[in-house]
Amino acid sequence: MIYYFCDGTPESFFTAVFDAYNKECFITSDSEIQLSLGCETVRVLADAEKCRRVLQGLKQYDRNAEEDILTALRNCSAQKEQVCFLYIKCIFERKTAIKNAYSLPAVVDFNDLLYKITGETHRLKGLLRFKETANGTFYAPYSPDNNITDLLMPHFAARFKAEKFVIHDIERGIAGLYNGEYWITAHIGKAEICLSENESAFESLWKEYYKSVNVKERPHEKQMKRSMPVRYWKFLPEKI
Protein backbone atom coordinates (compact mmCIF):
# COMPACT_ATOMS: atom_id res chain seq x y z
CA MET A 1 0.00 0.00 0.00
CA ILE A 2 1.27 3.47 -0.92
CA TYR A 3 0.29 6.44 1.24
CA TYR A 4 0.28 9.81 -0.51
CA PHE A 5 0.60 12.71 1.93
CA CYS A 6 -0.76 16.06 0.71
CA ASP A 7 0.02 19.42 2.29
CA GLY A 8 -3.68 20.23 2.87
CA THR A 9 -4.13 22.37 -0.24
CA PRO A 10 -6.48 21.44 -3.09
CA GLU A 11 -3.59 21.74 -5.58
CA SER A 12 -1.58 19.14 -3.69
CA PHE A 13 -4.62 16.84 -3.49
CA PHE A 14 -5.38 16.99 -7.23
CA THR A 15 -1.67 16.35 -7.93
CA ALA A 16 -1.87 13.25 -5.73
CA VAL A 17 -4.97 12.11 -7.64
CA PHE A 18 -2.98 12.33 -10.88
CA ASP A 19 0.00 10.40 -9.45
CA ALA A 20 -2.02 7.76 -7.60
CA TYR A 21 -4.83 7.06 -10.05
CA ASN A 22 -3.78 3.57 -11.16
CA LYS A 23 -2.20 2.48 -7.90
CA GLU A 24 -3.38 0.71 -4.73
CA CYS A 25 -3.07 3.67 -2.44
CA PHE A 26 -4.44 5.96 0.25
CA ILE A 27 -4.41 9.77 0.00
CA THR A 28 -4.44 11.92 3.13
CA SER A 29 -3.20 15.18 4.63
CA ASP A 30 -3.30 13.83 8.19
CA SER A 31 0.29 13.28 9.35
CA GLU A 32 -0.97 11.48 12.48
CA ILE A 33 -2.77 8.71 10.59
CA GLN A 34 -1.77 5.17 11.55
CA LEU A 35 0.22 3.53 8.76
CA SER A 36 -0.03 -0.12 7.81
CA LEU A 37 3.00 -2.39 8.18
CA GLY A 38 5.45 -2.24 5.28
CA CYS A 39 3.73 0.65 3.52
CA GLU A 40 5.41 3.15 1.22
CA THR A 41 4.94 6.89 1.79
CA VAL A 42 5.09 9.67 -0.79
CA ARG A 43 5.08 13.40 -0.01
CA VAL A 44 3.11 15.24 -2.68
CA LEU A 45 4.11 18.70 -3.90
CA ALA A 46 1.56 20.63 -5.91
CA ASP A 47 2.06 20.45 -9.68
CA ALA A 48 0.01 22.98 -11.65
CA GLU A 49 -0.08 20.92 -14.86
CA LYS A 50 -1.18 17.69 -13.16
CA CYS A 51 -3.79 19.61 -11.19
CA ARG A 52 -5.09 21.25 -14.39
CA ARG A 53 -5.42 17.93 -16.20
CA VAL A 54 -7.43 16.33 -13.38
CA LEU A 55 -9.79 19.32 -13.17
CA GLN A 56 -10.17 19.45 -16.95
CA GLY A 57 -11.18 15.79 -16.96
CA LEU A 58 -13.71 16.35 -14.19
CA LYS A 59 -15.35 19.26 -16.00
CA GLN A 60 -15.78 17.06 -19.06
CA TYR A 61 -18.14 14.78 -17.13
CA ASP A 62 -19.52 16.95 -14.31
CA ARG A 63 -19.22 20.73 -14.33
CA ASN A 64 -20.14 20.92 -10.63
CA ALA A 65 -17.67 18.30 -9.44
CA GLU A 66 -14.78 20.69 -8.73
CA GLU A 67 -16.88 22.91 -6.46
CA ASP A 68 -18.34 19.89 -4.65
CA ILE A 69 -14.91 18.36 -4.10
CA LEU A 70 -13.44 21.64 -2.83
CA THR A 71 -16.32 21.83 -0.36
CA ALA A 72 -15.84 18.22 0.78
CA LEU A 73 -12.11 18.84 1.36
CA ARG A 74 -13.07 21.30 4.11
CA ASN A 75 -14.22 18.37 6.23
CA CYS A 76 -12.24 17.59 9.37
CA SER A 77 -12.12 13.84 8.64
CA ALA A 78 -8.72 12.21 8.10
CA GLN A 79 -10.45 10.18 5.36
CA LYS A 80 -11.62 13.18 3.32
CA GLU A 81 -8.93 13.03 0.61
CA GLN A 82 -9.38 9.29 0.14
CA VAL A 83 -13.17 9.64 -0.07
CA CYS A 84 -12.81 12.41 -2.67
CA PHE A 85 -10.23 10.33 -4.58
CA LEU A 86 -12.59 7.35 -4.84
CA TYR A 87 -15.41 9.68 -5.90
CA ILE A 88 -13.23 11.13 -8.67
CA LYS A 89 -12.29 7.64 -9.85
CA CYS A 90 -15.99 6.76 -10.08
CA ILE A 91 -16.66 9.83 -12.22
CA PHE A 92 -13.82 8.96 -14.60
CA GLU A 93 -14.78 5.28 -14.77
CA ARG A 94 -18.46 5.99 -15.50
CA LYS A 95 -17.79 9.10 -17.60
CA THR A 96 -20.80 10.94 -16.17
CA ALA A 97 -22.00 12.88 -13.13
CA ILE A 98 -22.68 10.48 -10.27
CA LYS A 99 -23.63 12.72 -7.34
CA ASN A 100 -27.13 11.22 -7.13
CA ALA A 101 -26.06 7.61 -7.72
CA TYR A 102 -26.65 6.55 -4.11
CA SER A 103 -26.21 2.88 -4.91
CA LEU A 104 -22.45 3.54 -5.09
CA PRO A 105 -20.63 3.46 -1.72
CA ALA A 106 -18.17 6.11 -2.93
CA VAL A 107 -21.07 8.49 -3.61
CA VAL A 108 -22.69 7.84 -0.22
CA ASP A 109 -19.40 8.55 1.57
CA PHE A 110 -18.76 11.67 -0.51
CA ASN A 111 -22.23 13.11 0.07
CA ASP A 112 -21.80 12.48 3.78
CA LEU A 113 -18.73 14.76 3.73
CA LEU A 114 -20.74 17.43 1.91
CA TYR A 115 -23.70 17.15 4.26
CA LYS A 116 -21.51 17.71 7.32
CA ILE A 117 -20.08 20.87 5.76
CA THR A 118 -23.35 22.35 4.55
CA GLY A 119 -25.18 21.29 7.71
CA GLU A 120 -22.67 22.90 10.05
CA THR A 121 -22.54 26.07 7.94
CA HIS A 122 -26.33 26.39 8.04
CA ARG A 123 -26.47 25.69 11.77
CA LEU A 124 -23.82 28.25 12.68
CA LYS A 125 -25.57 31.01 10.76
CA GLY A 126 -28.02 30.96 13.65
CA LEU A 127 -25.65 30.07 16.50
CA LEU A 128 -22.79 32.56 16.16
CA ARG A 129 -22.84 35.12 18.98
CA PHE A 130 -21.16 38.47 18.37
CA LYS A 131 -19.65 40.59 21.13
CA GLU A 132 -19.17 44.35 20.83
CA THR A 133 -15.53 45.37 21.29
CA ALA A 134 -14.22 48.66 22.64
CA ASN A 135 -13.57 50.03 19.13
CA GLY A 136 -17.07 49.17 17.89
CA THR A 137 -16.10 46.07 15.90
CA PHE A 138 -18.19 42.95 16.58
CA TYR A 139 -16.29 39.76 17.39
CA ALA A 140 -17.58 36.16 17.20
CA PRO A 141 -15.28 33.36 18.41
CA TYR A 142 -16.18 29.77 17.56
CA SER A 143 -14.58 26.36 17.03
CA PRO A 144 -16.39 24.53 14.21
CA ASP A 145 -15.72 20.91 13.36
CA ASN A 146 -14.90 21.87 9.77
CA ASN A 147 -13.06 24.69 8.00
CA ILE A 148 -16.05 26.88 7.10
CA THR A 149 -15.19 30.49 8.04
CA ASP A 150 -15.14 31.77 4.46
CA LEU A 151 -18.45 29.98 3.79
CA LEU A 152 -20.07 31.97 6.61
CA MET A 153 -18.66 35.36 5.67
CA PRO A 154 -20.95 36.18 2.69
CA HIS A 155 -24.03 35.52 4.83
CA PHE A 156 -22.98 37.83 7.66
CA ALA A 157 -21.56 40.48 5.32
CA ALA A 158 -25.01 40.64 3.69
CA ARG A 159 -26.77 40.80 7.07
CA PHE A 160 -24.47 43.40 8.65
CA LYS A 161 -23.60 45.52 5.64
CA ALA A 162 -22.70 48.64 7.59
CA GLU A 163 -20.97 46.93 10.54
CA LYS A 164 -17.37 45.88 11.03
CA PHE A 165 -16.99 42.36 12.37
CA VAL A 166 -14.64 39.43 12.86
CA ILE A 167 -15.52 35.72 12.84
CA HIS A 168 -12.68 33.82 14.51
CA ASP A 169 -12.10 30.07 14.26
CA ILE A 170 -9.97 29.82 17.39
CA GLU A 171 -8.93 26.18 16.82
CA ARG A 172 -7.51 26.75 13.32
CA GLY A 173 -6.39 30.33 13.92
CA ILE A 174 -8.42 31.54 10.93
CA ALA A 175 -10.47 34.73 10.97
CA GLY A 176 -12.92 36.34 8.56
CA LEU A 177 -12.66 40.13 8.73
CA TYR A 178 -15.26 42.54 7.31
CA ASN A 179 -14.67 46.32 7.20
CA GLY A 180 -18.14 47.40 6.09
CA GLU A 181 -17.28 47.09 2.39
CA TYR A 182 -15.51 43.80 1.71
CA TRP A 183 -14.27 40.75 3.60
CA ILE A 184 -11.11 38.65 3.69
CA THR A 185 -9.88 35.63 5.63
CA ALA A 186 -6.49 35.51 7.35
CA HIS A 187 -4.49 33.45 9.82
CA ILE A 188 -4.35 35.41 13.06
CA GLY A 189 -3.77 32.88 15.83
CA LYS A 190 -4.90 34.10 19.25
CA ALA A 191 -6.67 37.43 19.61
CA GLU A 192 -6.65 39.86 22.53
CA ILE A 193 -10.15 41.35 22.67
CA CYS A 194 -11.26 44.35 24.76
CA LEU A 195 -15.05 44.37 25.08
CA SER A 196 -17.15 47.53 25.17
CA GLU A 197 -18.60 48.87 28.43
CA ASN A 198 -22.09 47.92 27.22
CA GLU A 199 -21.33 44.29 26.33
CA SER A 200 -22.14 42.90 29.80
CA ALA A 201 -25.51 44.67 29.72
CA PHE A 202 -26.23 43.28 26.24
CA GLU A 203 -25.45 39.74 27.39
CA SER A 204 -27.62 40.12 30.50
CA LEU A 205 -30.55 41.30 28.39
CA TRP A 206 -30.11 38.38 26.00
CA LYS A 207 -30.04 35.90 28.89
CA GLU A 208 -33.20 37.42 30.35
CA TYR A 209 -34.94 37.18 26.96
CA TYR A 210 -33.87 33.55 26.57
CA LYS A 211 -35.12 32.74 30.07
CA SER A 212 -38.46 34.49 29.48
CA VAL A 213 -39.31 32.49 26.32
CA ASN A 214 -38.27 29.17 27.84
CA VAL A 215 -41.18 27.27 29.46
CA LYS A 216 -39.85 25.42 32.53
CA GLU A 217 -42.84 23.09 32.66
CA ARG A 218 -42.17 21.84 29.14
CA PRO A 219 -38.46 21.00 28.90
CA HIS A 220 -37.20 20.12 25.46
CA GLU A 221 -33.60 19.11 26.12
CA LYS A 222 -33.38 16.55 23.30
CA GLN A 223 -34.71 18.94 20.67
CA MET A 224 -32.43 21.70 21.98
CA LYS A 225 -29.37 19.49 21.64
CA ARG A 226 -30.29 18.62 18.05
CA SER A 227 -30.61 22.30 17.11
CA MET A 228 -27.85 23.58 19.40
CA PRO A 229 -25.25 20.79 19.79
CA VAL A 230 -23.55 20.85 23.18
CA ARG A 231 -20.12 21.36 21.60
CA TYR A 232 -21.19 24.88 20.58
CA TRP A 233 -22.62 25.90 23.97
CA LYS A 234 -19.40 27.38 25.34
CA PHE A 235 -19.85 30.29 22.91
CA LEU A 236 -23.55 30.88 23.66
CA PRO A 237 -24.13 33.39 26.51
CA GLU A 238 -27.59 31.96 27.17
CA LYS A 239 -26.09 28.51 27.87
CA ILE A 240 -23.13 29.59 30.02
C-alpha atoms as a PDB file:
ATOM      1  CA  MET A   1       0.000   0.000   0.000  1.00  0.00           C
ATOM      2  CA  ILE A   2       1.267   3.471  -0.923  1.00  0.00           C
ATOM      3  CA  TYR A   3       0.288   6.442   1.239  1.00  0.00           C
ATOM      4  CA  TYR A   4       0.282   9.808  -0.510  1.00  0.00           C
ATOM      5  CA  PHE A   5       0.598  12.709   1.935  1.00  0.00           C
ATOM      6  CA  CYS A   6      -0.759  16.058   0.710  1.00  0.00           C
ATOM      7  CA  ASP A   7       0.016  19.416   2.291  1.00  0.00           C
ATOM      8  CA  GLY A   8      -3.678  20.225   2.872  1.00  0.00           C
ATOM      9  CA  THR A   9      -4.126  22.374  -0.238  1.00  0.00           C
ATOM     10  CA  PRO A  10      -6.482  21.443  -3.092  1.00  0.00           C
ATOM     11  CA  GLU A  11      -3.593  21.742  -5.576  1.00  0.00           C
ATOM     12  CA  SER A  12      -1.581  19.138  -3.689  1.00  0.00           C
ATOM     13  CA  PHE A  13      -4.622  16.845  -3.488  1.00  0.00           C
ATOM     14  CA  PHE A  14      -5.376  16.989  -7.234  1.00  0.00           C
ATOM     15  CA  THR A  15      -1.671  16.352  -7.933  1.00  0.00           C
ATOM     16  CA  ALA A  16      -1.870  13.251  -5.731  1.00  0.00           C
ATOM     17  CA  VAL A  17      -4.965  12.106  -7.637  1.00  0.00           C
ATOM     18  CA  PHE A  18      -2.983  12.326 -10.877  1.00  0.00           C
ATOM     19  CA  ASP A  19      -0.002  10.400  -9.454  1.00  0.00           C
ATOM     20  CA  ALA A  20      -2.022   7.760  -7.598  1.00  0.00           C
ATOM     21  CA  TYR A  21      -4.833   7.064 -10.053  1.00  0.00           C
ATOM     22  CA  ASN A  22      -3.783   3.567 -11.158  1.00  0.00           C
ATOM     23  CA  LYS A  23      -2.196   2.475  -7.897  1.00  0.00           C
ATOM     24  CA  GLU A  24      -3.376   0.714  -4.734  1.00  0.00           C
ATOM     25  CA  CYS A  25      -3.074   3.671  -2.439  1.00  0.00           C
ATOM     26  CA  PHE A  26      -4.443   5.959   0.252  1.00  0.00           C
ATOM     27  CA  ILE A  27      -4.411   9.765   0.004  1.00  0.00           C
ATOM     28  CA  THR A  28      -4.441  11.916   3.132  1.00  0.00           C
ATOM     29  CA  SER A  29      -3.196  15.179   4.630  1.00  0.00           C
ATOM     30  CA  ASP A  30      -3.302  13.829   8.190  1.00  0.00           C
ATOM     31  CA  SER A  31       0.290  13.285   9.352  1.00  0.00           C
ATOM     32  CA  GLU A  32      -0.970  11.480  12.475  1.00  0.00           C
ATOM     33  CA  ILE A  33      -2.766   8.715  10.594  1.00  0.00           C
ATOM     34  CA  GLN A  34      -1.766   5.166  11.553  1.00  0.00           C
ATOM     35  CA  LEU A  35       0.221   3.531   8.759  1.00  0.00           C
ATOM     36  CA  SER A  36      -0.031  -0.123   7.808  1.00  0.00           C
ATOM     37  CA  LEU A  37       2.995  -2.390   8.175  1.00  0.00           C
ATOM     38  CA  GLY A  38       5.453  -2.243   5.279  1.00  0.00           C
ATOM     39  CA  CYS A  39       3.728   0.649   3.525  1.00  0.00           C
ATOM     40  CA  GLU A  40       5.413   3.152   1.216  1.00  0.00           C
ATOM     41  CA  THR A  41       4.942   6.887   1.791  1.00  0.00           C
ATOM     42  CA  VAL A  42       5.091   9.668  -0.791  1.00  0.00           C
ATOM     43  CA  ARG A  43       5.081  13.398  -0.010  1.00  0.00           C
ATOM     44  CA  VAL A  44       3.114  15.245  -2.684  1.00  0.00           C
ATOM     45  CA  LEU A  45       4.111  18.696  -3.901  1.00  0.00           C
ATOM     46  CA  ALA A  46       1.556  20.631  -5.909  1.00  0.00           C
ATOM     47  CA  ASP A  47       2.062  20.451  -9.677  1.00  0.00           C
ATOM     48  CA  ALA A  48       0.011  22.982 -11.647  1.00  0.00           C
ATOM     49  CA  GLU A  49      -0.077  20.921 -14.856  1.00  0.00           C
ATOM     50  CA  LYS A  50      -1.180  17.691 -13.155  1.00  0.00           C
ATOM     51  CA  CYS A  51      -3.792  19.608 -11.193  1.00  0.00           C
ATOM     52  CA  ARG A  52      -5.091  21.249 -14.388  1.00  0.00           C
ATOM     53  CA  ARG A  53      -5.421  17.933 -16.198  1.00  0.00           C
ATOM     54  CA  VAL A  54      -7.431  16.330 -13.385  1.00  0.00           C
ATOM     55  CA  LEU A  55      -9.792  19.319 -13.173  1.00  0.00           C
ATOM     56  CA  GLN A  56     -10.165  19.446 -16.946  1.00  0.00           C
ATOM     57  CA  GLY A  57     -11.177  15.791 -16.963  1.00  0.00           C
ATOM     58  CA  LEU A  58     -13.706  16.349 -14.186  1.00  0.00           C
ATOM     59  CA  LYS A  59     -15.348  19.265 -16.002  1.00  0.00           C
ATOM     60  CA  GLN A  60     -15.776  17.062 -19.060  1.00  0.00           C
ATOM     61  CA  TYR A  61     -18.144  14.775 -17.132  1.00  0.00           C
ATOM     62  CA  ASP A  62     -19.519  16.952 -14.313  1.00  0.00           C
ATOM     63  CA  ARG A  63     -19.215  20.734 -14.332  1.00  0.00           C
ATOM     64  CA  ASN A  64     -20.141  20.918 -10.633  1.00  0.00           C
ATOM     65  CA  ALA A  65     -17.669  18.295  -9.438  1.00  0.00           C
ATOM     66  CA  GLU A  66     -14.784  20.687  -8.727  1.00  0.00           C
ATOM     67  CA  GLU A  67     -16.883  22.915  -6.456  1.00  0.00           C
ATOM     68  CA  ASP A  68     -18.342  19.891  -4.652  1.00  0.00           C
ATOM     69  CA  ILE A  69     -14.911  18.364  -4.100  1.00  0.00           C
ATOM     70  CA  LEU A  70     -13.436  21.640  -2.830  1.00  0.00           C
ATOM     71  CA  THR A  71     -16.320  21.831  -0.361  1.00  0.00           C
ATOM     72  CA  ALA A  72     -15.836  18.219   0.775  1.00  0.00           C
ATOM     73  CA  LEU A  73     -12.112  18.837   1.359  1.00  0.00           C
ATOM     74  CA  ARG A  74     -13.070  21.301   4.114  1.00  0.00           C
ATOM     75  CA  ASN A  75     -14.224  18.369   6.230  1.00  0.00           C
ATOM     76  CA  CYS A  76     -12.239  17.590   9.374  1.00  0.00           C
ATOM     77  CA  SER A  77     -12.116  13.843   8.638  1.00  0.00           C
ATOM     78  CA  ALA A  78      -8.715  12.213   8.102  1.00  0.00           C
ATOM     79  CA  GLN A  79     -10.453  10.184   5.361  1.00  0.00           C
ATOM     80  CA  LYS A  80     -11.621  13.178   3.317  1.00  0.00           C
ATOM     81  CA  GLU A  81      -8.928  13.030   0.613  1.00  0.00           C
ATOM     82  CA  GLN A  82      -9.378   9.285   0.138  1.00  0.00           C
ATOM     83  CA  VAL A  83     -13.169   9.639  -0.072  1.00  0.00           C
ATOM     84  CA  CYS A  84     -12.806  12.411  -2.669  1.00  0.00           C
ATOM     85  CA  PHE A  85     -10.229  10.332  -4.576  1.00  0.00           C
ATOM     86  CA  LEU A  86     -12.588   7.346  -4.840  1.00  0.00           C
ATOM     87  CA  TYR A  87     -15.405   9.685  -5.895  1.00  0.00           C
ATOM     88  CA  ILE A  88     -13.233  11.131  -8.668  1.00  0.00           C
ATOM     89  CA  LYS A  89     -12.288   7.644  -9.849  1.00  0.00           C
ATOM     90  CA  CYS A  90     -15.988   6.756 -10.083  1.00  0.00           C
ATOM     91  CA  ILE A  91     -16.656   9.826 -12.219  1.00  0.00           C
ATOM     92  CA  PHE A  92     -13.821   8.960 -14.598  1.00  0.00           C
ATOM     93  CA  GLU A  93     -14.778   5.284 -14.773  1.00  0.00           C
ATOM     94  CA  ARG A  94     -18.457   5.989 -15.495  1.00  0.00           C
ATOM     95  CA  LYS A  95     -17.794   9.102 -17.599  1.00  0.00           C
ATOM     96  CA  THR A  96     -20.797  10.942 -16.172  1.00  0.00           C
ATOM     97  CA  ALA A  97     -21.997  12.882 -13.131  1.00  0.00           C
ATOM     98  CA  ILE A  98     -22.685  10.479 -10.269  1.00  0.00           C
ATOM     99  CA  LYS A  99     -23.631  12.721  -7.335  1.00  0.00           C
ATOM    100  CA  ASN A 100     -27.130  11.221  -7.128  1.00  0.00           C
ATOM    101  CA  ALA A 101     -26.058   7.608  -7.716  1.00  0.00           C
ATOM    102  CA  TYR A 102     -26.651   6.548  -4.110  1.00  0.00           C
ATOM    103  CA  SER A 103     -26.205   2.878  -4.915  1.00  0.00           C
ATOM    104  CA  LEU A 104     -22.450   3.539  -5.093  1.00  0.00           C
ATOM    105  CA  PRO A 105     -20.629   3.459  -1.724  1.00  0.00           C
ATOM    106  CA  ALA A 106     -18.173   6.115  -2.931  1.00  0.00           C
ATOM    107  CA  VAL A 107     -21.074   8.493  -3.607  1.00  0.00           C
ATOM    108  CA  VAL A 108     -22.687   7.842  -0.216  1.00  0.00           C
ATOM    109  CA  ASP A 109     -19.397   8.551   1.571  1.00  0.00           C
ATOM    110  CA  PHE A 110     -18.761  11.667  -0.511  1.00  0.00           C
ATOM    111  CA  ASN A 111     -22.227  13.115   0.067  1.00  0.00           C
ATOM    112  CA  ASP A 112     -21.803  12.480   3.782  1.00  0.00           C
ATOM    113  CA  LEU A 113     -18.734  14.756   3.729  1.00  0.00           C
ATOM    114  CA  LEU A 114     -20.738  17.426   1.905  1.00  0.00           C
ATOM    115  CA  TYR A 115     -23.698  17.149   4.264  1.00  0.00           C
ATOM    116  CA  LYS A 116     -21.508  17.707   7.317  1.00  0.00           C
ATOM    117  CA  ILE A 117     -20.076  20.870   5.756  1.00  0.00           C
ATOM    118  CA  THR A 118     -23.354  22.347   4.547  1.00  0.00           C
ATOM    119  CA  GLY A 119     -25.180  21.285   7.714  1.00  0.00           C
ATOM    120  CA  GLU A 120     -22.669  22.904  10.055  1.00  0.00           C
ATOM    121  CA  THR A 121     -22.544  26.070   7.937  1.00  0.00           C
ATOM    122  CA  HIS A 122     -26.328  26.388   8.042  1.00  0.00           C
ATOM    123  CA  ARG A 123     -26.470  25.689  11.774  1.00  0.00           C
ATOM    124  CA  LEU A 124     -23.825  28.247  12.680  1.00  0.00           C
ATOM    125  CA  LYS A 125     -25.575  31.011  10.763  1.00  0.00           C
ATOM    126  CA  GLY A 126     -28.022  30.960  13.654  1.00  0.00           C
ATOM    127  CA  LEU A 127     -25.651  30.068  16.495  1.00  0.00           C
ATOM    128  CA  LEU A 128     -22.794  32.559  16.164  1.00  0.00           C
ATOM    129  CA  ARG A 129     -22.840  35.123  18.978  1.00  0.00           C
ATOM    130  CA  PHE A 130     -21.157  38.467  18.366  1.00  0.00           C
ATOM    131  CA  LYS A 131     -19.650  40.595  21.133  1.00  0.00           C
ATOM    132  CA  GLU A 132     -19.168  44.354  20.825  1.00  0.00           C
ATOM    133  CA  THR A 133     -15.525  45.366  21.286  1.00  0.00           C
ATOM    134  CA  ALA A 134     -14.215  48.659  22.638  1.00  0.00           C
ATOM    135  CA  ASN A 135     -13.573  50.028  19.126  1.00  0.00           C
ATOM    136  CA  GLY A 136     -17.073  49.168  17.885  1.00  0.00           C
ATOM    137  CA  THR A 137     -16.104  46.066  15.904  1.00  0.00           C
ATOM    138  CA  PHE A 138     -18.194  42.949  16.576  1.00  0.00           C
ATOM    139  CA  TYR A 139     -16.287  39.762  17.389  1.00  0.00           C
ATOM    140  CA  ALA A 140     -17.577  36.164  17.200  1.00  0.00           C
ATOM    141  CA  PRO A 141     -15.275  33.357  18.409  1.00  0.00           C
ATOM    142  CA  TYR A 142     -16.183  29.766  17.561  1.00  0.00           C
ATOM    143  CA  SER A 143     -14.576  26.358  17.026  1.00  0.00           C
ATOM    144  CA  PRO A 144     -16.386  24.527  14.208  1.00  0.00           C
ATOM    145  CA  ASP A 145     -15.723  20.914  13.363  1.00  0.00           C
ATOM    146  CA  ASN A 146     -14.905  21.872   9.771  1.00  0.00           C
ATOM    147  CA  ASN A 147     -13.064  24.687   8.003  1.00  0.00           C
ATOM    148  CA  ILE A 148     -16.049  26.879   7.098  1.00  0.00           C
ATOM    149  CA  THR A 149     -15.192  30.490   8.042  1.00  0.00           C
ATOM    150  CA  ASP A 150     -15.139  31.768   4.459  1.00  0.00           C
ATOM    151  CA  LEU A 151     -18.448  29.976   3.789  1.00  0.00           C
ATOM    152  CA  LEU A 152     -20.075  31.970   6.608  1.00  0.00           C
ATOM    153  CA  MET A 153     -18.657  35.362   5.671  1.00  0.00           C
ATOM    154  CA  PRO A 154     -20.953  36.179   2.687  1.00  0.00           C
ATOM    155  CA  HIS A 155     -24.034  35.521   4.828  1.00  0.00           C
ATOM    156  CA  PHE A 156     -22.975  37.830   7.664  1.00  0.00           C
ATOM    157  CA  ALA A 157     -21.558  40.478   5.320  1.00  0.00           C
ATOM    158  CA  ALA A 158     -25.010  40.643   3.693  1.00  0.00           C
ATOM    159  CA  ARG A 159     -26.771  40.805   7.075  1.00  0.00           C
ATOM    160  CA  PHE A 160     -24.469  43.403   8.651  1.00  0.00           C
ATOM    161  CA  LYS A 161     -23.604  45.522   5.639  1.00  0.00           C
ATOM    162  CA  ALA A 162     -22.703  48.642   7.591  1.00  0.00           C
ATOM    163  CA  GLU A 163     -20.966  46.935  10.540  1.00  0.00           C
ATOM    164  CA  LYS A 164     -17.365  45.882  11.027  1.00  0.00           C
ATOM    165  CA  PHE A 165     -16.992  42.361  12.373  1.00  0.00           C
ATOM    166  CA  VAL A 166     -14.641  39.429  12.863  1.00  0.00           C
ATOM    167  CA  ILE A 167     -15.522  35.722  12.844  1.00  0.00           C
ATOM    168  CA  HIS A 168     -12.676  33.818  14.506  1.00  0.00           C
ATOM    169  CA  ASP A 169     -12.101  30.065  14.262  1.00  0.00           C
ATOM    170  CA  ILE A 170      -9.972  29.819  17.394  1.00  0.00           C
ATOM    171  CA  GLU A 171      -8.926  26.180  16.822  1.00  0.00           C
ATOM    172  CA  ARG A 172      -7.514  26.746  13.321  1.00  0.00           C
ATOM    173  CA  GLY A 173      -6.388  30.334  13.916  1.00  0.00           C
ATOM    174  CA  ILE A 174      -8.421  31.536  10.932  1.00  0.00           C
ATOM    175  CA  ALA A 175     -10.475  34.730  10.970  1.00  0.00           C
ATOM    176  CA  GLY A 176     -12.918  36.339   8.561  1.00  0.00           C
ATOM    177  CA  LEU A 177     -12.659  40.129   8.729  1.00  0.00           C
ATOM    178  CA  TYR A 178     -15.258  42.542   7.314  1.00  0.00           C
ATOM    179  CA  ASN A 179     -14.672  46.318   7.202  1.00  0.00           C
ATOM    180  CA  GLY A 180     -18.139  47.396   6.088  1.00  0.00           C
ATOM    181  CA  GLU A 181     -17.280  47.089   2.391  1.00  0.00           C
ATOM    182  CA  TYR A 182     -15.505  43.799   1.709  1.00  0.00           C
ATOM    183  CA  TRP A 183     -14.266  40.754   3.605  1.00  0.00           C
ATOM    184  CA  ILE A 184     -11.108  38.655   3.687  1.00  0.00           C
ATOM    185  CA  THR A 185      -9.875  35.630   5.632  1.00  0.00           C
ATOM    186  CA  ALA A 186      -6.494  35.509   7.349  1.00  0.00           C
ATOM    187  CA  HIS A 187      -4.485  33.450   9.817  1.00  0.00           C
ATOM    188  CA  ILE A 188      -4.350  35.414  13.060  1.00  0.00           C
ATOM    189  CA  GLY A 189      -3.765  32.876  15.828  1.00  0.00           C
ATOM    190  CA  LYS A 190      -4.900  34.104  19.245  1.00  0.00           C
ATOM    191  CA  ALA A 191      -6.674  37.431  19.608  1.00  0.00           C
ATOM    192  CA  GLU A 192      -6.646  39.863  22.527  1.00  0.00           C
ATOM    193  CA  ILE A 193     -10.154  41.353  22.668  1.00  0.00           C
ATOM    194  CA  CYS A 194     -11.255  44.349  24.757  1.00  0.00           C
ATOM    195  CA  LEU A 195     -15.049  44.369  25.082  1.00  0.00           C
ATOM    196  CA  SER A 196     -17.147  47.527  25.170  1.00  0.00           C
ATOM    197  CA  GLU A 197     -18.600  48.866  28.429  1.00  0.00           C
ATOM    198  CA  ASN A 198     -22.090  47.925  27.218  1.00  0.00           C
ATOM    199  CA  GLU A 199     -21.329  44.294  26.333  1.00  0.00           C
ATOM    200  CA  SER A 200     -22.137  42.900  29.796  1.00  0.00           C
ATOM    201  CA  ALA A 201     -25.510  44.671  29.717  1.00  0.00           C
ATOM    202  CA  PHE A 202     -26.226  43.279  26.245  1.00  0.00           C
ATOM    203  CA  GLU A 203     -25.452  39.736  27.394  1.00  0.00           C
ATOM    204  CA  SER A 204     -27.615  40.117  30.499  1.00  0.00           C
ATOM    205  CA  LEU A 205     -30.546  41.298  28.392  1.00  0.00           C
ATOM    206  CA  TRP A 206     -30.114  38.381  25.995  1.00  0.00           C
ATOM    207  CA  LYS A 207     -30.037  35.899  28.892  1.00  0.00           C
ATOM    208  CA  GLU A 208     -33.202  37.416  30.347  1.00  0.00           C
ATOM    209  CA  TYR A 209     -34.943  37.184  26.964  1.00  0.00           C
ATOM    210  CA  TYR A 210     -33.868  33.554  26.570  1.00  0.00           C
ATOM    211  CA  LYS A 211     -35.116  32.744  30.070  1.00  0.00           C
ATOM    212  CA  SER A 212     -38.463  34.487  29.477  1.00  0.00           C
ATOM    213  CA  VAL A 213     -39.306  32.494  26.316  1.00  0.00           C
ATOM    214  CA  ASN A 214     -38.274  29.166  27.839  1.00  0.00           C
ATOM    215  CA  VAL A 215     -41.177  27.271  29.461  1.00  0.00           C
ATOM    216  CA  LYS A 216     -39.851  25.420  32.525  1.00  0.00           C
ATOM    217  CA  GLU A 217     -42.845  23.091  32.660  1.00  0.00           C
ATOM    218  CA  ARG A 218     -42.171  21.840  29.141  1.00  0.00           C
ATOM    219  CA  PRO A 219     -38.456  20.998  28.900  1.00  0.00           C
ATOM    220  CA  HIS A 220     -37.198  20.121  25.456  1.00  0.00           C
ATOM    221  CA  GLU A 221     -33.596  19.110  26.124  1.00  0.00           C
ATOM    222  CA  LYS A 222     -33.380  16.553  23.296  1.00  0.00           C
ATOM    223  CA  GLN A 223     -34.707  18.941  20.667  1.00  0.00           C
ATOM    224  CA  MET A 224     -32.428  21.697  21.978  1.00  0.00           C
ATOM    225  CA  LYS A 225     -29.367  19.494  21.644  1.00  0.00           C
ATOM    226  CA  ARG A 226     -30.294  18.618  18.055  1.00  0.00           C
ATOM    227  CA  SER A 227     -30.612  22.301  17.114  1.00  0.00           C
ATOM    228  CA  MET A 228     -27.848  23.584  19.397  1.00  0.00           C
ATOM    229  CA  PRO A 229     -25.247  20.795  19.793  1.00  0.00           C
ATOM    230  CA  VAL A 230     -23.550  20.854  23.181  1.00  0.00           C
ATOM    231  CA  ARG A 231     -20.118  21.356  21.599  1.00  0.00           C
ATOM    232  CA  TYR A 232     -21.195  24.885  20.583  1.00  0.00           C
ATOM    233  CA  TRP A 233     -22.624  25.900  23.968  1.00  0.00           C
ATOM    234  CA  LYS A 234     -19.399  27.380  25.343  1.00  0.00           C
ATOM    235  CA  PHE A 235     -19.853  30.289  22.911  1.00  0.00           C
ATOM    236  CA  LEU A 236     -23.551  30.879  23.663  1.00  0.00           C
ATOM    237  CA  PRO A 237     -24.126  33.393  26.506  1.00  0.00           C
ATOM    238  CA  GLU A 238     -27.595  31.965  27.168  1.00  0.00           C
ATOM    239  CA  LYS A 239     -26.094  28.508  27.873  1.00  0.00           C
ATOM    240  CA  ILE A 240     -23.135  29.588  30.022  1.00  0.00           C
END
